Amino acid sequence: MTRPARTTRLAVLAVVLASAFGGALTGAGSAAAGPGETTAAQGKHTAAQDVEATCPFPAPLGPRTFSLHTTATMPAVTSTGAPVAIDDLTMKFTLPRDAAQALFGTAKTIDGRLVLELAIQRGDKRDLLPVLLAIPATPLPETGDVTFTATGAPPPIAVDTPGAVTVSLTAPTVTLGPAAAPGTEPPGPVTCALTPEQNTTLGAIAVQSVTPVRPAPQDPAPAPGTPGAPGEVAVQTTADPPPTISTPLVLIRVVSTATVTRLGAKAVSTPSALLNGTLQLWVLGPGKTRQKVVGSISFKPVTVTYLSFGFTPTSATVEFLPVVDYRNSKFIDVDGELLATPGKPSVLTSDISVIARMSDARVNGVPLDLGPDCVTADPVKIHVEGIYDPFKWGFLKTGPEGFRLPGFRNCGVAEPLSQLLTGMASGPGNSATIETLNMPGCYVPDHTKCPPPPQKPPGQ
């Protein structure tokens, strides 16, 4: 086989490896129980959640199912006994035009109210906090559906024990009618029911103890021969770990672009998704927290086809596997540290290691048997960092040093190819950029009424 053909095979390997690997990195960061915005360094965040509810309106309309979008501002961290305010509680829902006409006829303006309870959960203890949300007079448009916005402020709450507190939504009761005269009530409350087995968590709060830590009294010097005495082994005890708040993440789309320096090749990966993503927060002390994003990602084998030397069709397949037990597992664990600074965008940093396996190489349609275990001799290690909003999108990239593509082993059946692949493609200075995009949740039966996916953020 000629050397140009071998060179082509190597180029394919490097391009696919860098491209798919760049996608794996994006699993290091993603987002929470509902889309929202966070300013954790300032101690507050805007939480959001979409839930589906069925409301049994009277005839002739009958039961209708709606998507209710709820937002609220709440602290990320508070102290035991301190009042906790859940501000700017808002719930929006849309009534189709046919439903509005069936209920209100020729009415021009509709108002009302919405009553629900917030479920406050601390360990095995659960309390319900009733909230009244007012729906202001809303004009019915000449055409199209009508969207109602209910707003209110729950009374402050206080928690007397440290730990994680979650705030969840319950089924609302809705009262709607033509705009009433001052001092009168709109007619007819309708008690809705939430669709079972959906995520209703609005947000979470870390409650830390304010009890001062006093030094333990000094014990007399231990007697010889006892633990702690000079020359003896002392038993060291550790404090309880800090409380942790874990918030499930929405589906995150991951796309990357990678460049292999030695080959001058550039490729864009197939979109992937973060699995079992979680945003974790630790309370380390008064005013001190740590945030981390964890999850796992699994890639379909990536196949790249292009023209080498301007005329030779070449393709190869590469998959990325965990360093531990790569022969049997496909899920790669990823994590990243999230740093929030007041007045600045939050930044995510992540390090990841994977094993790359190459197979099904073809040059001008002719198969090249690399064998079942053609892999990098060492893990591919890469460090990325960049602006990252855990509730919207992220843009990460390698630094000036880039990442190193290791050598290969166990490649080639009819002829040894490991050294050839290593000599042509391996080396430092490769780069990658990674974009993450939070996908909106949708629970309405008619998928055509789901919100459109967010626009891809511009490159930074």
Protein backbone atom coordinates (compact mmCIF):
# COMPACT_ATOMS: atom_id res chain seq x y z
CA MET A 1 0.00 0.00 0.00
CA THR A 2 1.36 3.40 -0.90
CA ARG A 3 2.39 5.96 1.64
CA PRO A 4 -0.17 8.57 0.44
CA ALA A 5 -2.95 6.11 1.25
CA ARG A 6 -1.53 5.62 4.74
CA THR A 7 -1.23 9.38 5.19
CA THR A 8 -4.87 9.74 4.22
CA ARG A 9 -5.95 7.16 6.77
CA LEU A 10 -4.08 9.01 9.46
CA ALA A 11 -5.64 12.33 8.54
CA VAL A 12 -9.11 10.83 8.88
CA LEU A 13 -8.27 9.45 12.29
CA ALA A 14 -6.99 12.74 13.61
CA VAL A 15 -9.91 14.78 12.28
CA VAL A 16 -12.57 12.45 13.64
CA LEU A 17 -10.78 12.02 16.95
CA ALA A 18 -10.48 15.75 17.56
CA SER A 19 -14.02 16.44 16.43
CA ALA A 20 -15.77 13.82 18.54
CA PHE A 21 -13.51 14.43 21.49
CA GLY A 22 -14.38 18.08 21.45
CA GLY A 23 -18.03 17.07 21.79
CA ALA A 24 -17.27 14.91 24.82
CA LEU A 25 -15.85 17.88 26.65
CA THR A 26 -19.07 19.79 26.57
CA GLY A 27 -20.62 17.29 28.90
CA ALA A 28 -18.61 19.02 31.60
CA GLY A 29 -21.21 21.70 31.88
CA SER A 30 -25.00 22.01 31.70
CA ALA A 31 -28.26 23.01 33.61
CA ALA A 32 -31.17 22.85 36.21
CA ALA A 33 -34.72 21.82 37.18
CA GLY A 34 -36.06 24.43 34.82
CA PRO A 35 -34.61 27.13 32.60
CA GLY A 36 -33.64 30.27 34.48
CA GLU A 37 -30.85 32.67 35.30
CA THR A 38 -28.50 32.59 38.26
CA THR A 39 -26.37 35.03 40.19
CA ALA A 40 -25.20 32.62 42.84
CA ALA A 41 -22.33 34.83 43.93
CA GLN A 42 -24.89 37.45 44.98
CA GLY A 43 -26.92 34.77 46.80
CA LYS A 44 -30.04 34.80 44.58
CA HIS A 45 -31.20 33.08 41.45
CA THR A 46 -34.24 33.18 39.19
CA ALA A 47 -35.75 29.71 39.19
CA ALA A 48 -38.20 28.50 36.56
CA GLN A 49 -40.26 25.41 35.86
CA ASP A 50 -42.85 24.27 33.29
CA VAL A 51 -45.60 21.92 34.47
CA GLU A 52 -48.61 20.47 32.71
CA ALA A 53 -52.05 20.65 34.32
CA THR A 54 -55.58 19.63 33.28
CA CYS A 55 -58.36 22.05 34.26
CA PRO A 56 -62.03 20.85 34.14
CA PHE A 57 -63.76 23.94 32.74
CA PRO A 58 -67.56 23.84 32.61
CA ALA A 59 -69.53 22.94 29.47
CA PRO A 60 -69.42 23.58 26.63
CA LEU A 61 -65.62 23.80 26.91
CA GLY A 62 -64.90 20.88 29.23
CA PRO A 63 -61.45 19.75 30.51
CA ARG A 64 -58.42 21.36 28.88
CA THR A 65 -54.70 20.67 29.39
CA PHE A 66 -52.28 23.58 29.67
CA SER A 67 -48.58 24.21 30.11
CA LEU A 68 -47.95 26.51 33.09
CA HIS A 69 -44.67 28.43 33.10
CA THR A 70 -43.64 29.54 36.60
CA THR A 71 -40.74 31.76 37.65
CA ALA A 72 -39.62 33.15 41.02
CA THR A 73 -36.59 34.81 42.57
CA MET A 74 -35.15 33.08 45.64
CA PRO A 75 -31.88 32.97 47.56
CA ALA A 76 -29.36 30.26 46.81
CA VAL A 77 -28.08 30.26 50.40
CA THR A 78 -29.61 31.43 53.69
CA SER A 79 -29.06 30.98 57.43
CA THR A 80 -31.14 29.10 59.97
CA GLY A 81 -33.92 31.22 61.41
CA ALA A 82 -33.56 33.98 58.81
CA PRO A 83 -36.69 34.95 56.84
CA VAL A 84 -36.61 33.63 53.27
CA ALA A 85 -38.48 35.68 50.69
CA ILE A 86 -39.63 34.05 47.46
CA ASP A 87 -40.13 37.12 45.28
CA ASP A 88 -41.64 37.85 41.88
CA LEU A 89 -43.66 34.62 41.74
CA THR A 90 -45.26 34.51 38.27
CA MET A 91 -47.28 31.85 36.48
CA LYS A 92 -48.21 32.18 32.79
CA PHE A 93 -50.60 30.09 30.73
CA THR A 94 -52.26 30.46 27.31
CA LEU A 95 -55.94 29.93 26.59
CA PRO A 96 -56.72 28.99 22.97
CA ARG A 97 -59.08 31.37 21.22
CA ASP A 98 -61.86 28.78 20.84
CA ALA A 99 -61.72 28.12 24.59
CA ALA A 100 -61.85 31.84 25.41
CA GLN A 101 -64.89 32.31 23.17
CA ALA A 102 -66.64 29.28 24.67
CA LEU A 103 -66.10 30.61 28.20
CA PHE A 104 -66.51 34.36 27.81
CA GLY A 105 -68.48 34.91 24.61
CA THR A 106 -68.19 38.51 23.46
CA ALA A 107 -66.40 39.80 26.57
CA LYS A 108 -63.60 42.23 25.77
CA THR A 109 -61.52 41.92 28.94
CA ILE A 110 -60.83 39.00 31.31
CA ASP A 111 -59.38 39.02 34.81
CA GLY A 112 -59.25 36.64 37.76
CA ARG A 113 -56.90 34.94 40.16
CA LEU A 114 -54.89 31.78 40.62
CA VAL A 115 -54.37 30.02 43.95
CA LEU A 116 -51.74 27.37 44.55
CA GLU A 117 -49.57 25.99 47.32
CA LEU A 118 -45.79 25.85 47.29
CA ALA A 119 -44.50 22.59 48.75
CA ILE A 120 -41.54 23.28 51.07
CA GLN A 121 -39.52 20.08 51.62
CA ARG A 122 -36.72 19.61 54.17
CA GLY A 123 -35.65 15.99 54.52
CA ASP A 124 -38.81 14.03 55.39
CA LYS A 125 -40.68 17.15 56.53
CA ARG A 126 -43.08 18.84 54.11
CA ASP A 127 -45.14 22.00 54.55
CA LEU A 128 -47.54 23.75 52.17
CA LEU A 129 -47.38 27.52 51.68
CA PRO A 130 -50.58 28.96 50.16
CA VAL A 131 -50.14 31.73 47.60
CA LEU A 132 -52.68 34.02 45.90
CA LEU A 133 -51.69 35.23 42.42
CA ALA A 134 -53.69 38.03 40.80
CA ILE A 135 -54.55 37.99 37.09
CA PRO A 136 -54.98 41.61 35.95
CA ALA A 137 -57.55 42.65 33.37
CA THR A 138 -56.35 41.16 30.09
CA PRO A 139 -57.85 42.24 26.74
CA LEU A 140 -58.98 39.48 24.43
CA PRO A 141 -57.21 40.00 21.08
CA GLU A 142 -59.13 40.22 17.85
CA THR A 143 -57.35 37.10 16.61
CA GLY A 144 -55.14 34.47 18.18
CA ASP A 145 -54.85 33.00 21.66
CA VAL A 146 -54.77 34.93 24.91
CA THR A 147 -51.96 34.62 27.47
CA PHE A 148 -52.69 35.28 31.16
CA THR A 149 -49.99 36.27 33.65
CA ALA A 150 -50.68 35.70 37.36
CA THR A 151 -48.36 37.37 39.87
CA GLY A 152 -48.05 37.45 43.66
CA ALA A 153 -45.72 37.27 46.65
CA PRO A 154 -45.75 34.33 49.08
CA PRO A 155 -45.24 35.15 52.77
CA PRO A 156 -41.62 34.73 53.97
CA ILE A 157 -40.62 31.41 55.46
CA ALA A 158 -37.92 30.45 57.98
CA VAL A 159 -36.07 27.14 58.41
CA ASP A 160 -34.56 26.32 61.80
CA THR A 161 -32.30 23.40 60.77
CA PRO A 162 -29.42 23.38 58.26
CA GLY A 163 -29.55 21.43 55.02
CA ALA A 164 -31.16 21.52 51.61
CA VAL A 165 -34.70 22.85 51.16
CA THR A 166 -36.60 22.35 47.91
CA VAL A 167 -39.55 24.42 46.70
CA SER A 168 -42.04 22.63 44.44
CA LEU A 169 -45.28 23.47 42.65
CA THR A 170 -48.70 21.93 43.29
CA ALA A 171 -51.95 21.97 41.31
CA PRO A 172 -53.50 25.44 41.00
CA THR A 173 -57.10 26.61 41.25
CA VAL A 174 -57.99 29.11 38.52
CA THR A 175 -60.76 31.68 38.55
CA LEU A 176 -61.43 33.53 35.28
CA GLY A 177 -64.26 35.77 34.15
CA PRO A 178 -65.14 39.03 32.43
CA ALA A 179 -63.57 42.00 34.16
CA ALA A 180 -65.69 42.58 37.27
CA ALA A 181 -66.78 45.84 38.82
CA PRO A 182 -64.70 47.07 41.77
CA GLY A 183 -65.42 45.12 44.93
CA THR A 184 -66.93 42.10 43.15
CA GLU A 185 -65.47 38.65 42.55
CA PRO A 186 -65.04 36.97 39.16
CA PRO A 187 -67.15 33.81 38.86
CA GLY A 188 -66.36 30.14 39.09
CA PRO A 189 -63.09 28.62 40.48
CA VAL A 190 -61.74 25.61 38.55
CA THR A 191 -59.50 23.18 40.45
CA CYS A 192 -56.83 21.79 38.14
CA ALA A 193 -54.76 18.58 38.45
CA LEU A 194 -51.07 18.19 37.58
CA THR A 195 -50.08 15.51 35.09
CA PRO A 196 -48.45 12.65 37.06
CA GLU A 197 -44.72 11.81 36.94
CA GLN A 198 -43.38 15.23 35.92
CA ASN A 199 -40.73 17.38 37.52
CA THR A 200 -42.41 20.02 39.74
CA THR A 201 -39.30 21.36 41.53
CA LEU A 202 -39.10 25.14 41.22
CA GLY A 203 -35.80 25.63 43.04
CA ALA A 204 -33.60 24.77 46.02
CA ILE A 205 -32.10 26.70 48.94
CA ALA A 206 -29.06 25.79 51.03
CA VAL A 207 -29.69 26.55 54.71
CA GLN A 208 -26.52 26.93 56.78
CA SER A 209 -26.20 27.03 60.53
CA VAL A 210 -25.29 30.29 62.25
CA THR A 211 -24.27 28.61 65.47
CA PRO A 212 -20.74 29.83 66.28
CA VAL A 213 -18.03 27.19 66.30
CA ARG A 214 -16.25 27.29 69.65
CA PRO A 215 -12.87 25.63 70.21
CA ALA A 216 -12.98 22.46 72.23
CA PRO A 217 -11.59 22.71 75.75
CA GLN A 218 -7.95 21.75 76.10
CA ASP A 219 -7.47 18.26 77.47
CA PRO A 220 -4.53 17.46 79.70
CA ALA A 221 -1.53 15.93 77.97
CA PRO A 222 -2.13 12.22 77.29
CA ALA A 223 -0.31 9.72 79.40
CA PRO A 224 2.53 7.77 77.78
CA GLY A 225 1.33 4.72 75.86
CA THR A 226 -2.03 6.26 74.93
CA PRO A 227 -3.06 7.55 71.50
CA GLY A 228 -1.87 11.13 71.06
CA ALA A 229 1.10 10.79 73.39
CA PRO A 230 4.56 11.47 71.94
CA GLY A 231 5.59 8.55 69.72
CA GLU A 232 2.06 7.13 69.62
CA VAL A 233 -0.49 7.03 66.73
CA ALA A 234 -3.44 9.37 67.18
CA VAL A 235 -6.87 8.69 65.68
CA GLN A 236 -8.00 11.65 63.55
CA THR A 237 -11.70 12.44 63.29
CA THR A 238 -13.29 14.42 60.49
CA ALA A 239 -16.21 16.84 60.54
CA ASP A 240 -19.49 16.09 58.81
CA PRO A 241 -19.40 16.95 55.10
CA PRO A 242 -21.05 20.26 54.14
CA PRO A 243 -24.70 20.09 53.01
CA THR A 244 -25.19 19.55 49.31
CA ILE A 245 -27.99 20.74 47.03
CA SER A 246 -28.33 18.68 43.85
CA THR A 247 -30.53 20.06 41.07
CA PRO A 248 -31.31 17.93 38.00
CA LEU A 249 -30.37 19.48 34.67
CA VAL A 250 -32.44 19.92 31.55
CA LEU A 251 -31.41 18.29 28.28
CA ILE A 252 -28.22 19.91 26.99
CA ARG A 253 -27.18 19.83 23.35
CA VAL A 254 -23.42 19.61 22.80
CA VAL A 255 -21.58 20.61 19.61
CA SER A 256 -17.85 21.09 19.09
CA THR A 257 -15.37 22.19 16.46
CA ALA A 258 -11.82 20.86 16.55
CA THR A 259 -8.61 21.53 14.64
CA VAL A 260 -5.68 19.12 14.28
CA THR A 261 -2.61 21.31 13.88
CA ARG A 262 -0.23 18.88 12.16
CA LEU A 263 -2.77 18.05 9.46
CA GLY A 264 -4.42 21.46 9.16
CA ALA A 265 -7.78 19.66 9.43
CA LYS A 266 -10.97 21.06 10.94
CA ALA A 267 -14.21 19.23 11.75
CA VAL A 268 -17.57 19.80 13.48
CA SER A 269 -18.95 17.01 15.66
CA THR A 270 -22.39 15.44 15.56
CA PRO A 271 -24.60 16.91 18.34
CA SER A 272 -24.62 14.87 21.55
CA ALA A 273 -26.41 15.26 24.89
CA LEU A 274 -25.42 15.26 28.55
CA LEU A 275 -27.01 12.41 30.54
CA ASN A 276 -27.96 12.44 34.24
CA GLY A 277 -26.64 15.98 34.54
CA THR A 278 -26.71 17.60 37.97
CA LEU A 279 -25.82 21.05 39.28
CA GLN A 280 -24.34 20.63 42.77
CA LEU A 281 -23.89 23.32 45.41
CA TRP A 282 -21.98 22.94 48.69
CA VAL A 283 -22.27 25.35 51.63
CA LEU A 284 -18.69 25.65 52.92
CA GLY A 285 -19.31 28.35 55.49
CA PRO A 286 -20.93 31.75 55.96
CA GLY A 287 -21.07 33.34 52.51
CA LYS A 288 -18.94 30.57 50.98
CA THR A 289 -20.26 28.07 48.44
CA ARG A 290 -18.88 25.77 45.78
CA GLN A 291 -20.67 24.85 42.55
CA LYS A 292 -19.99 21.91 40.30
CA VAL A 293 -21.62 20.37 37.23
CA VAL A 294 -21.50 16.59 36.86
CA GLY A 295 -22.95 14.08 34.43
CA SER A 296 -22.08 11.49 31.83
CA ILE A 297 -22.02 11.44 28.06
CA SER A 298 -22.04 8.63 25.50
CA PHE A 299 -21.14 9.10 21.85
CA LYS A 300 -22.31 7.25 18.82
CA PRO A 301 -19.36 6.18 16.67
CA VAL A 302 -18.44 9.10 14.43
CA THR A 303 -17.69 8.56 10.74
CA VAL A 304 -16.00 11.26 8.67
CA THR A 305 -15.64 11.19 4.88
CA TYR A 306 -13.61 13.68 2.87
CA LEU A 307 -11.32 13.95 -0.13
CA SER A 308 -7.66 13.47 0.67
CA PHE A 309 -5.11 15.14 -1.62
CA GLY A 310 -8.06 16.56 -3.53
CA PHE A 311 -9.24 13.32 -5.11
CA THR A 312 -9.06 10.24 -2.83
CA PRO A 313 -12.33 9.51 -0.94
CA THR A 314 -11.38 8.44 2.59
CA SER A 315 -13.41 7.60 5.68
CA ALA A 316 -12.92 6.21 9.18
CA THR A 317 -14.96 5.65 12.34
CA VAL A 318 -13.88 6.73 15.82
CA GLU A 319 -15.61 6.30 19.16
CA PHE A 320 -14.68 7.71 22.56
CA LEU A 321 -14.78 5.53 25.63
CA PRO A 322 -14.08 5.79 29.36
CA VAL A 323 -10.52 5.22 30.50
CA VAL A 324 -11.67 2.55 32.98
CA ASP A 325 -13.10 -0.58 31.31
CA TYR A 326 -13.28 0.97 27.84
CA ARG A 327 -13.89 -2.45 26.27
CA ASN A 328 -17.23 -2.89 28.05
CA SER A 329 -18.54 0.59 28.86
CA LYS A 330 -19.48 3.60 26.75
CA PHE A 331 -20.45 6.19 29.37
CA ILE A 332 -17.84 8.85 30.14
CA ASP A 333 -18.12 10.66 33.47
CA VAL A 334 -17.55 14.41 33.19
CA ASP A 335 -17.50 17.28 35.66
CA GLY A 336 -16.62 20.93 35.82
CA GLU A 337 -16.09 23.65 38.44
CA LEU A 338 -18.40 26.66 38.08
CA LEU A 339 -17.07 29.99 39.37
CA ALA A 340 -19.46 32.95 39.74
CA THR A 341 -18.05 36.45 40.27
CA PRO A 342 -20.31 39.44 41.03
CA GLY A 343 -20.84 41.57 37.95
CA LYS A 344 -19.21 39.07 35.58
CA PRO A 345 -20.39 36.01 33.61
CA SER A 346 -19.86 32.69 35.36
CA VAL A 347 -16.93 30.57 34.14
CA LEU A 348 -16.73 26.78 33.85
CA THR A 349 -13.44 24.84 33.87
CA SER A 350 -13.24 21.14 33.07
CA ASP A 351 -10.67 18.38 32.62
CA ILE A 352 -11.55 15.11 30.95
CA SER A 353 -9.77 11.92 29.90
CA VAL A 354 -10.97 9.42 27.28
CA ILE A 355 -9.71 6.48 25.26
CA ALA A 356 -10.19 6.83 21.49
CA ARG A 357 -10.83 3.70 19.41
CA MET A 358 -10.60 3.71 15.59
CA SER A 359 -12.22 1.23 13.20
CA ASP A 360 -13.71 0.78 9.73
CA ALA A 361 -11.13 2.80 7.83
CA ARG A 362 -11.62 2.91 4.05
CA VAL A 363 -9.44 4.43 1.34
CA ASN A 364 -11.15 4.91 -2.02
CA GLY A 365 -13.76 2.39 -0.84
CA VAL A 366 -11.18 -0.30 0.02
CA PRO A 367 -11.41 -1.47 3.68
CA LEU A 368 -8.34 -1.15 5.86
CA ASP A 369 -8.53 -3.64 8.75
CA LEU A 370 -7.30 -1.87 11.89
CA GLY A 371 -8.45 -4.65 14.20
CA PRO A 372 -10.92 -4.57 17.14
CA ASP A 373 -8.64 -2.78 19.59
CA CYS A 374 -6.91 0.06 17.74
CA VAL A 375 -6.82 2.65 20.55
CA THR A 376 -4.72 5.50 21.88
CA ALA A 377 -1.84 4.17 23.96
CA ASP A 378 -2.59 6.77 26.64
CA PRO A 379 -5.74 8.67 27.56
CA VAL A 380 -6.52 11.82 25.58
CA LYS A 381 -6.45 14.62 28.15
CA ILE A 382 -7.83 18.08 27.56
CA HIS A 383 -8.56 21.19 29.61
CA VAL A 384 -11.24 23.67 28.54
CA GLU A 385 -12.77 26.72 30.12
CA GLY A 386 -15.05 29.57 29.17
CA ILE A 387 -18.24 31.49 29.81
CA TYR A 388 -21.02 29.20 30.97
CA ASP A 389 -24.57 29.98 32.11
CA PRO A 390 -25.97 26.77 33.64
CA PHE A 391 -29.50 27.82 32.67
CA LYS A 392 -28.88 28.92 29.06
CA TRP A 393 -25.69 28.11 27.12
CA GLY A 394 -21.93 27.85 27.32
CA PHE A 395 -18.91 28.46 25.12
CA LEU A 396 -15.69 26.68 26.18
CA LYS A 397 -12.33 26.36 24.48
CA THR A 398 -8.81 25.09 24.98
CA GLY A 399 -6.08 27.51 25.98
CA PRO A 400 -3.07 28.57 23.89
CA GLU A 401 -1.33 25.28 24.63
CA GLY A 402 -4.21 23.24 23.22
CA PHE A 403 -4.24 19.48 23.83
CA ARG A 404 -1.95 16.61 22.89
CA LEU A 405 -3.04 13.71 20.70
CA PRO A 406 -1.31 10.56 22.08
CA GLY A 407 0.19 7.71 20.10
CA PHE A 408 -1.73 4.56 19.11
CA ARG A 409 -1.41 0.84 19.83
CA ASN A 410 -2.85 -2.48 18.59
CA CYS A 411 -3.60 -1.03 15.14
CA GLY A 412 -3.42 -3.11 11.95
CA VAL A 413 -4.14 -6.76 11.14
CA ALA A 414 -2.53 -7.34 7.75
CA GLU A 415 0.25 -4.86 8.54
CA PRO A 416 1.35 -2.94 11.67
CA LEU A 417 -0.01 0.60 11.53
CA SER A 418 0.36 1.90 15.09
CA GLN A 419 3.73 3.58 14.52
CA LEU A 420 2.57 5.10 11.25
CA LEU A 421 -0.53 6.60 12.86
CA THR A 422 1.49 7.88 15.80
CA GLY A 423 4.18 9.44 13.67
CA MET A 424 1.78 11.28 11.38
CA ALA A 425 -0.96 12.54 13.74
CA SER A 426 0.17 12.49 17.36
CA GLY A 427 1.49 15.61 18.99
CA PRO A 428 0.59 18.77 20.94
CA GLY A 429 -1.02 22.04 19.91
CA ASN A 430 -4.46 20.78 18.83
CA SER A 431 -7.44 22.97 19.72
CA ALA A 432 -11.17 22.62 20.35
CA THR A 433 -14.16 24.87 20.93
CA ILE A 434 -17.35 23.58 22.55
CA GLU A 435 -20.84 25.03 22.63
CA THR A 436 -23.63 23.88 24.94
CA LEU A 437 -27.28 24.84 24.53
CA ASN A 438 -30.10 24.13 26.98
CA MET A 439 -33.14 22.61 25.27
CA PRO A 440 -36.57 23.72 26.59
CA GLY A 441 -38.79 21.17 28.30
CA CYS A 442 -42.30 20.71 26.96
CA TYR A 443 -45.15 18.64 28.42
CA VAL A 444 -48.15 19.66 26.32
CA PRO A 445 -49.88 16.87 24.37
CA ASP A 446 -49.69 18.81 21.08
CA HIS A 447 -45.99 19.09 20.21
CA THR A 448 -46.74 21.86 17.73
CA LYS A 449 -47.44 24.14 20.70
CA CYS A 450 -44.03 23.52 22.28
CA PRO A 451 -41.68 26.50 22.37
CA PRO A 452 -39.06 26.53 19.60
CA PRO A 453 -35.50 25.51 20.52
CA PRO A 454 -33.31 28.44 21.53
CA GLN A 455 -31.03 29.95 18.93
CA LYS A 456 -27.46 28.77 18.83
CA PRO A 457 -25.34 31.33 20.72
CA PRO A 458 -22.73 33.23 18.71
CA GLY A 459 -19.09 32.15 18.96
CA GLN A 460 -17.08 34.08 21.50
